C-alpha atoms as a PDB file:
ATOM      1  CA  MET A   1       0.000   0.000   0.000  1.00  0.00           C
ATOM      2  CA  LYS A   2       1.314   3.403  -0.920  1.00  0.00           C
ATOM      3  CA  ARG A   3       2.057   6.054   1.648  1.00  0.00           C
ATOM      4  CA  ALA A   4      -0.690   8.397   0.328  1.00  0.00           C
ATOM      5  CA  ALA A   5      -3.322   5.622   0.573  1.00  0.00           C
ATOM      6  CA  ARG A   6      -2.280   4.820   4.188  1.00  0.00           C
ATOM      7  CA  ARG A   7      -2.474   8.515   5.078  1.00  0.00           C
ATOM      8  CA  GLN A   8      -5.981   8.728   3.616  1.00  0.00           C
ATOM      9  CA  LEU A   9      -7.093   5.633   5.567  1.00  0.00           C
ATOM     10  CA  TRP A  10      -5.747   7.111   8.822  1.00  0.00           C
ATOM     11  CA  PHE A  11      -7.457  10.400   8.033  1.00  0.00           C
ATOM     12  CA  LEU A  12     -10.754   8.594   7.306  1.00  0.00           C
ATOM     13  CA  ALA A  13     -10.434   6.594  10.552  1.00  0.00           C
ATOM     14  CA  ALA A  14      -9.785   9.804  12.527  1.00  0.00           C
ATOM     15  CA  VAL A  15     -12.811  11.513  10.963  1.00  0.00           C
ATOM     16  CA  LEU A  16     -15.041   8.502  11.724  1.00  0.00           C
ATOM     17  CA  MET A  17     -13.779   8.448  15.318  1.00  0.00           C
ATOM     18  CA  LEU A  18     -14.507  12.177  15.740  1.00  0.00           C
ATOM     19  CA  LEU A  19     -18.002  11.725  14.300  1.00  0.00           C
ATOM     20  CA  ALA A  20     -18.681   8.828  16.672  1.00  0.00           C
ATOM     21  CA  VAL A  21     -17.493  10.846  19.691  1.00  0.00           C
ATOM     22  CA  ALA A  22     -19.538  13.881  18.614  1.00  0.00           C
ATOM     23  CA  GLY A  23     -22.648  11.704  18.140  1.00  0.00           C
ATOM     24  CA  TRP A  24     -22.171  10.123  21.567  1.00  0.00           C
ATOM     25  CA  GLN A  25     -21.755  13.575  23.177  1.00  0.00           C
ATOM     26  CA  PHE A  26     -24.851  14.947  21.409  1.00  0.00           C
ATOM     27  CA  ARG A  27     -26.938  11.955  22.552  1.00  0.00           C
ATOM     28  CA  SER A  28     -25.604  12.258  26.104  1.00  0.00           C
ATOM     29  CA  ASP A  29     -26.392  15.988  26.223  1.00  0.00           C
ATOM     30  CA  ARG A  30     -29.894  15.427  24.882  1.00  0.00           C
ATOM     31  CA  LEU A  31     -30.634  12.689  27.430  1.00  0.00           C
ATOM     32  CA  SER A  32     -29.372  14.752  30.350  1.00  0.00           C
ATOM     33  CA  ALA A  33     -31.172  17.953  29.271  1.00  0.00           C
ATOM     34  CA  PRO A  34     -33.879  19.025  31.721  1.00  0.00           C
ATOM     35  CA  GLY A  35     -36.442  19.432  28.952  1.00  0.00           C
ATOM     36  CA  THR A  36     -39.500  21.675  28.947  1.00  0.00           C
ATOM     37  CA  LEU A  37     -42.089  22.603  31.564  1.00  0.00           C
ATOM     38  CA  LEU A  38     -44.830  20.357  30.183  1.00  0.00           C
ATOM     39  CA  LEU A  39     -44.984  17.599  27.618  1.00  0.00           C
ATOM     40  CA  LEU A  40     -47.941  19.303  25.927  1.00  0.00           C
ATOM     41  CA  ASP A  41     -47.806  20.551  22.355  1.00  0.00           C
ATOM     42  CA  PRO A  42     -48.618  24.290  22.620  1.00  0.00           C
ATOM     43  CA  ASP A  43     -50.632  24.175  19.374  1.00  0.00           C
ATOM     44  CA  ALA A  44     -52.876  21.430  20.795  1.00  0.00           C
ATOM     45  CA  ILE A  45     -53.844  23.338  23.973  1.00  0.00           C
ATOM     46  CA  THR A  46     -57.506  24.396  24.017  1.00  0.00           C
ATOM     47  CA  ARG A  47     -58.090  25.626  27.577  1.00  0.00           C
ATOM     48  CA  VAL A  48     -56.144  28.235  29.565  1.00  0.00           C
ATOM     49  CA  ASP A  49     -56.847  29.377  33.117  1.00  0.00           C
ATOM     50  CA  LEU A  50     -54.593  32.075  34.579  1.00  0.00           C
ATOM     51  CA  ARG A  51     -54.583  33.500  38.095  1.00  0.00           C
ATOM     52  CA  ILE A  52     -52.306  36.386  39.011  1.00  0.00           C
ATOM     53  CA  GLY A  53     -53.106  37.730  42.462  1.00  0.00           C
ATOM     54  CA  ASP A  54     -56.868  38.235  42.606  1.00  0.00           C
ATOM     55  CA  VAL A  55     -57.243  38.421  38.811  1.00  0.00           C
ATOM     56  CA  VAL A  56     -58.590  35.216  37.257  1.00  0.00           C
ATOM     57  CA  GLU A  57     -58.834  34.726  33.504  1.00  0.00           C
ATOM     58  CA  HIS A  58     -60.430  31.779  31.646  1.00  0.00           C
ATOM     59  CA  TYR A  59     -59.962  31.110  27.943  1.00  0.00           C
ATOM     60  CA  VAL A  60     -61.018  28.449  25.448  1.00  0.00           C
ATOM     61  CA  LYS A  61     -59.906  27.909  21.885  1.00  0.00           C
ATOM     62  CA  ARG A  62     -62.596  27.450  19.255  1.00  0.00           C
ATOM     63  CA  ASP A  63     -62.131  27.481  15.490  1.00  0.00           C
ATOM     64  CA  LYS A  64     -58.452  28.459  15.781  1.00  0.00           C
ATOM     65  CA  HIS A  65     -59.264  31.567  17.864  1.00  0.00           C
ATOM     66  CA  TRP A  66     -59.174  32.257  21.590  1.00  0.00           C
ATOM     67  CA  TRP A  67     -62.237  33.332  23.532  1.00  0.00           C
ATOM     68  CA  ARG A  68     -62.395  34.719  27.049  1.00  0.00           C
ATOM     69  CA  THR A  69     -65.126  33.098  29.131  1.00  0.00           C
ATOM     70  CA  ASN A  70     -66.544  35.065  32.056  1.00  0.00           C
ATOM     71  CA  GLN A  71     -69.573  33.705  33.892  1.00  0.00           C
ATOM     72  CA  GLY A  72     -70.972  32.097  30.753  1.00  0.00           C
ATOM     73  CA  ALA A  73     -70.394  35.093  28.463  1.00  0.00           C
ATOM     74  CA  MET A  74     -67.749  34.790  25.758  1.00  0.00           C
ATOM     75  CA  SER A  75     -65.712  37.564  24.157  1.00  0.00           C
ATOM     76  CA  ARG A  76     -62.895  37.419  21.651  1.00  0.00           C
ATOM     77  CA  ALA A  77     -59.409  37.332  23.221  1.00  0.00           C
ATOM     78  CA  ASP A  78     -56.033  38.452  21.893  1.00  0.00           C
ATOM     79  CA  ASP A  79     -54.714  35.445  19.937  1.00  0.00           C
ATOM     80  CA  LEU A  80     -51.101  36.677  20.142  1.00  0.00           C
ATOM     81  CA  ARG A  81     -51.203  37.002  23.920  1.00  0.00           C
ATOM     82  CA  LEU A  82     -52.779  33.561  24.310  1.00  0.00           C
ATOM     83  CA  GLY A  83     -50.178  32.180  21.927  1.00  0.00           C
ATOM     84  CA  GLU A  84     -47.522  33.452  24.346  1.00  0.00           C
ATOM     85  CA  LEU A  85     -49.316  31.844  27.288  1.00  0.00           C
ATOM     86  CA  VAL A  86     -49.604  28.406  25.657  1.00  0.00           C
ATOM     87  CA  ARG A  87     -45.953  28.515  24.536  1.00  0.00           C
ATOM     88  CA  ILE A  88     -45.010  28.626  28.218  1.00  0.00           C
ATOM     89  CA  ALA A  89     -45.685  24.860  28.186  1.00  0.00           C
ATOM     90  CA  ALA A  90     -42.633  24.430  25.928  1.00  0.00           C
ATOM     91  CA  ALA A  91     -40.388  26.771  27.936  1.00  0.00           C
ATOM     92  CA  PRO A  92     -36.908  25.254  28.343  1.00  0.00           C
ATOM     93  CA  VAL A  93     -36.042  24.483  31.951  1.00  0.00           C
ATOM     94  CA  GLN A  94     -32.505  25.136  33.149  1.00  0.00           C
ATOM     95  CA  ASP A  95     -32.690  22.498  35.863  1.00  0.00           C
ATOM     96  CA  TRP A  96     -35.179  20.491  37.922  1.00  0.00           C
ATOM     97  CA  GLN A  97     -35.037  19.768  41.642  1.00  0.00           C
ATOM     98  CA  SER A  98     -37.415  18.055  44.013  1.00  0.00           C
ATOM     99  CA  ALA A  99     -39.889  20.479  45.594  1.00  0.00           C
ATOM    100  CA  ASP A 100     -38.552  19.283  48.967  1.00  0.00           C
ATOM    101  CA  SER A 101     -35.178  20.857  48.095  1.00  0.00           C
ATOM    102  CA  TYR A 102     -36.596  24.376  48.464  1.00  0.00           C
ATOM    103  CA  ASP A 103     -38.320  26.460  51.097  1.00  0.00           C
ATOM    104  CA  ALA A 104     -41.411  27.403  49.038  1.00  0.00           C
ATOM    105  CA  PRO A 105     -42.099  30.773  50.759  1.00  0.00           C
ATOM    106  CA  LYS A 106     -38.492  31.901  50.199  1.00  0.00           C
ATOM    107  CA  ILE A 107     -38.686  31.355  46.443  1.00  0.00           C
ATOM    108  CA  GLY A 108     -42.163  32.860  46.072  1.00  0.00           C
ATOM    109  CA  LEU A 109     -44.093  29.629  45.573  1.00  0.00           C
ATOM    110  CA  SER A 110     -46.119  29.716  48.775  1.00  0.00           C
ATOM    111  CA  PRO A 111     -48.351  31.395  47.831  1.00  0.00           C
ATOM    112  CA  PRO A 112     -47.431  31.385  44.137  1.00  0.00           C
ATOM    113  CA  GLN A 113     -47.260  34.694  42.304  1.00  0.00           C
ATOM    114  CA  ALA A 114     -49.165  33.195  39.380  1.00  0.00           C
ATOM    115  CA  LYS A 115     -50.929  29.942  38.538  1.00  0.00           C
ATOM    116  CA  LEU A 116     -51.349  28.778  34.946  1.00  0.00           C
ATOM    117  CA  ASP A 117     -53.504  25.769  33.997  1.00  0.00           C
ATOM    118  CA  LEU A 118     -53.044  24.515  30.451  1.00  0.00           C
ATOM    119  CA  ASP A 119     -55.546  21.778  29.578  1.00  0.00           C
ATOM    120  CA  GLY A 120     -55.652  20.802  33.263  1.00  0.00           C
ATOM    121  CA  GLN A 121     -51.886  20.738  33.864  1.00  0.00           C
ATOM    122  CA  THR A 122     -50.798  23.311  36.442  1.00  0.00           C
ATOM    123  CA  ILE A 123     -47.689  25.479  36.525  1.00  0.00           C
ATOM    124  CA  LEU A 124     -47.027  27.607  39.628  1.00  0.00           C
ATOM    125  CA  PHE A 125     -44.784  30.659  39.227  1.00  0.00           C
ATOM    126  CA  GLY A 126     -42.607  32.003  42.022  1.00  0.00           C
ATOM    127  CA  GLY A 127     -40.019  34.724  42.440  1.00  0.00           C
ATOM    128  CA  MET A 128     -36.780  35.498  40.653  1.00  0.00           C
ATOM    129  CA  THR A 129     -33.546  33.653  41.238  1.00  0.00           C
ATOM    130  CA  ALA A 130     -30.783  35.558  43.018  1.00  0.00           C
ATOM    131  CA  ILE A 131     -28.508  35.410  39.970  1.00  0.00           C
ATOM    132  CA  GLY A 132     -29.529  35.716  36.356  1.00  0.00           C
ATOM    133  CA  GLN A 133     -32.800  36.571  34.684  1.00  0.00           C
ATOM    134  CA  ARG A 134     -34.626  33.429  35.773  1.00  0.00           C
ATOM    135  CA  GLY A 135     -37.711  32.606  37.801  1.00  0.00           C
ATOM    136  CA  TYR A 136     -38.835  29.625  39.871  1.00  0.00           C
ATOM    137  CA  VAL A 137     -41.659  27.396  38.629  1.00  0.00           C
ATOM    138  CA  GLN A 138     -43.289  24.331  40.117  1.00  0.00           C
ATOM    139  CA  VAL A 139     -44.865  21.522  38.120  1.00  0.00           C
ATOM    140  CA  GLY A 140     -46.131  18.681  40.281  1.00  0.00           C
ATOM    141  CA  GLU A 141     -43.447  17.762  42.790  1.00  0.00           C
ATOM    142  CA  ARG A 142     -40.608  19.379  40.841  1.00  0.00           C
ATOM    143  CA  VAL A 143     -39.275  22.928  40.954  1.00  0.00           C
ATOM    144  CA  GLY A 144     -37.320  24.341  38.040  1.00  0.00           C
ATOM    145  CA  THR A 145     -35.928  27.623  36.814  1.00  0.00           C
ATOM    146  CA  ILE A 146     -36.894  29.263  33.531  1.00  0.00           C
ATOM    147  CA  SER A 147     -36.181  32.525  31.752  1.00  0.00           C
ATOM    148  CA  LEU A 148     -38.231  35.472  33.032  1.00  0.00           C
ATOM    149  CA  ARG A 149     -39.626  36.001  29.532  1.00  0.00           C
ATOM    150  CA  TYR A 150     -41.855  32.960  30.140  1.00  0.00           C
ATOM    151  CA  MET A 151     -43.460  34.442  33.257  1.00  0.00           C
ATOM    152  CA  PRO A 152     -47.153  35.161  32.551  1.00  0.00           C
ATOM    153  CA  ARG A 153     -48.721  38.614  32.695  1.00  0.00           C
ATOM    154  CA  SER A 154     -52.381  39.414  33.205  1.00  0.00           C
ATOM    155  CA  ALA A 155     -54.485  40.972  30.457  1.00  0.00           C
ATOM    156  CA  GLN A 156     -54.808  44.080  32.637  1.00  0.00           C
ATOM    157  CA  SER A 157     -51.024  44.597  32.658  1.00  0.00           C
ATOM    158  CA  GLU A 158     -51.012  44.196  28.861  1.00  0.00           C
ATOM    159  CA  THR A 159     -53.670  46.915  28.572  1.00  0.00           C
ATOM    160  CA  ILE A 160     -51.705  49.260  30.833  1.00  0.00           C
ATOM    161  CA  LYS A 161     -48.514  48.578  28.872  1.00  0.00           C
ATOM    162  CA  ALA A 162     -50.304  49.432  25.598  1.00  0.00           C
ATOM    163  CA  LEU A 163     -51.394  52.837  26.945  1.00  0.00           C
END
């Protein structure tokens, strides 16, 4: 075998080895990633209930549009705002810990600052982390941290912001 052919074989073997290591690392990273808040597909969500303080909002999706339901009366809701609320389900979580690992009042989860129900699955929102632009959330018996951009706002605060 000529020297050039041997060099090409070694080069091919090195490239294959690097690809195998990169594939293993990618798979390992994906398996150890904390994931998202909920396993729901945001586009499939049809019911949203939001409580921030004393303000309670109820929404349903019909014919690809969101409707606010108040004591049996329905009025058209802002589809963009509700789109933001349902996308919270797919918010990437930085890390998960057992709820027992935290003192709920210290991180703003007892009582929660906001409660979001998406098709019956509940997310509780707490305070900000000490470092970084992140907030505490609780889903079931797990507490995670997410970017503050995924923290819900009431329709009233949206109206005030628009003025």
